[in-house]
Amino acid sequence: MTVLDFRSDTVTRPSPAMRKAMAEAEVGDDVYREDPTVNRLEGLAAEMLGFER
């Protein structure tokens, strides 16, 4: 059985694949609604809860 330790970011370390994903992630300013990932998350949450985006 694999044991995973999620106590904090000082215990866990990103894998090379995670670092690659972070480096290649789409980014933008969430305050100006320019972050595509935040926009998708907000849209999904609104849809799931029956609210307008």
C-alpha atoms as a PDB file:
ATOM      1  CA  MET A   1       0.000   0.000   0.000  1.00  0.00           C
ATOM      2  CA  THR A   2       1.291   3.465  -0.927  1.00  0.00           C
ATOM      3  CA  VAL A   3       1.120   6.060   1.834  1.00  0.00           C
ATOM      4  CA  LEU A   4       0.763   9.686   0.778  1.00  0.00           C
ATOM      5  CA  ASP A   5       1.687  12.493   3.167  1.00  0.00           C
ATOM      6  CA  PHE A   6      -0.302  15.669   2.493  1.00  0.00           C
ATOM      7  CA  ARG A   7       0.504  17.526   5.722  1.00  0.00           C
ATOM      8  CA  SER A   8       1.960  20.567   4.009  1.00  0.00           C
ATOM      9  CA  ASP A   9       3.823  21.864   0.987  1.00  0.00           C
ATOM     10  CA  THR A  10       7.092  21.414   2.876  1.00  0.00           C
ATOM     11  CA  VAL A  11       6.548  17.647   3.020  1.00  0.00           C
ATOM     12  CA  THR A  12       5.209  17.020  -0.475  1.00  0.00           C
ATOM     13  CA  ARG A  13       7.268  17.746  -3.568  1.00  0.00           C
ATOM     14  CA  PRO A  14       5.951  18.182  -7.114  1.00  0.00           C
ATOM     15  CA  SER A  15       6.920  15.522  -9.607  1.00  0.00           C
ATOM     16  CA  PRO A  16       8.555  16.482 -12.904  1.00  0.00           C
ATOM     17  CA  ALA A  17       5.151  16.076 -14.611  1.00  0.00           C
ATOM     18  CA  MET A  18       3.547  18.405 -12.074  1.00  0.00           C
ATOM     19  CA  ARG A  19       6.283  21.010 -12.596  1.00  0.00           C
ATOM     20  CA  LYS A  20       5.785  20.775 -16.350  1.00  0.00           C
ATOM     21  CA  ALA A  21       2.020  21.246 -15.966  1.00  0.00           C
ATOM     22  CA  MET A  22       2.547  24.290 -13.742  1.00  0.00           C
ATOM     23  CA  ALA A  23       5.036  25.827 -16.166  1.00  0.00           C
ATOM     24  CA  GLU A  24       2.677  25.322 -19.112  1.00  0.00           C
ATOM     25  CA  ALA A  25      -0.539  26.347 -17.338  1.00  0.00           C
ATOM     26  CA  GLU A  26      -2.705  29.083 -18.796  1.00  0.00           C
ATOM     27  CA  VAL A  27      -2.606  32.107 -16.516  1.00  0.00           C
ATOM     28  CA  GLY A  28      -4.236  35.486 -16.291  1.00  0.00           C
ATOM     29  CA  ASP A  29      -5.519  38.017 -13.791  1.00  0.00           C
ATOM     30  CA  ASP A  30      -8.582  36.673 -11.996  1.00  0.00           C
ATOM     31  CA  VAL A  31      -9.611  40.166 -10.842  1.00  0.00           C
ATOM     32  CA  TYR A  32      -9.979  41.255 -14.474  1.00  0.00           C
ATOM     33  CA  ARG A  33     -11.543  37.869 -15.374  1.00  0.00           C
ATOM     34  CA  GLU A  34      -8.570  37.025 -17.609  1.00  0.00           C
ATOM     35  CA  ASP A  35      -7.639  33.698 -15.988  1.00  0.00           C
ATOM     36  CA  PRO A  36      -9.181  30.938 -18.125  1.00  0.00           C
ATOM     37  CA  THR A  37      -8.822  28.302 -15.411  1.00  0.00           C
ATOM     38  CA  VAL A  38     -10.601  30.419 -12.785  1.00  0.00           C
ATOM     39  CA  ASN A  39     -13.274  31.344 -15.329  1.00  0.00           C
ATOM     40  CA  ARG A  40     -13.919  27.668 -16.121  1.00  0.00           C
ATOM     41  CA  LEU A  41     -14.058  26.788 -12.416  1.00  0.00           C
ATOM     42  CA  GLU A  42     -16.490  29.629 -11.656  1.00  0.00           C
ATOM     43  CA  GLY A  43     -18.667  28.616 -14.595  1.00  0.00           C
ATOM     44  CA  LEU A  44     -18.734  24.978 -13.518  1.00  0.00           C
ATOM     45  CA  ALA A  45     -19.554  25.884  -9.915  1.00  0.00           C
ATOM     46  CA  ALA A  46     -22.367  28.220 -11.020  1.00  0.00           C
ATOM     47  CA  GLU A  47     -23.791  25.541 -13.314  1.00  0.00           C
ATOM     48  CA  MET A  48     -23.647  22.878 -10.599  1.00  0.00           C
ATOM     49  CA  LEU A  49     -25.397  25.174  -8.118  1.00  0.00           C
ATOM     50  CA  GLY A  50     -27.954  26.568 -10.534  1.00  0.00           C
ATOM     51  CA  PHE A  51     -26.644  30.133 -10.597  1.00  0.00           C
ATOM     52  CA  GLU A  52     -25.716  32.498 -13.398  1.00  0.00           C
ATOM     53  CA  ARG A  53     -22.040  32.609 -14.105  1.00  0.00           C
END
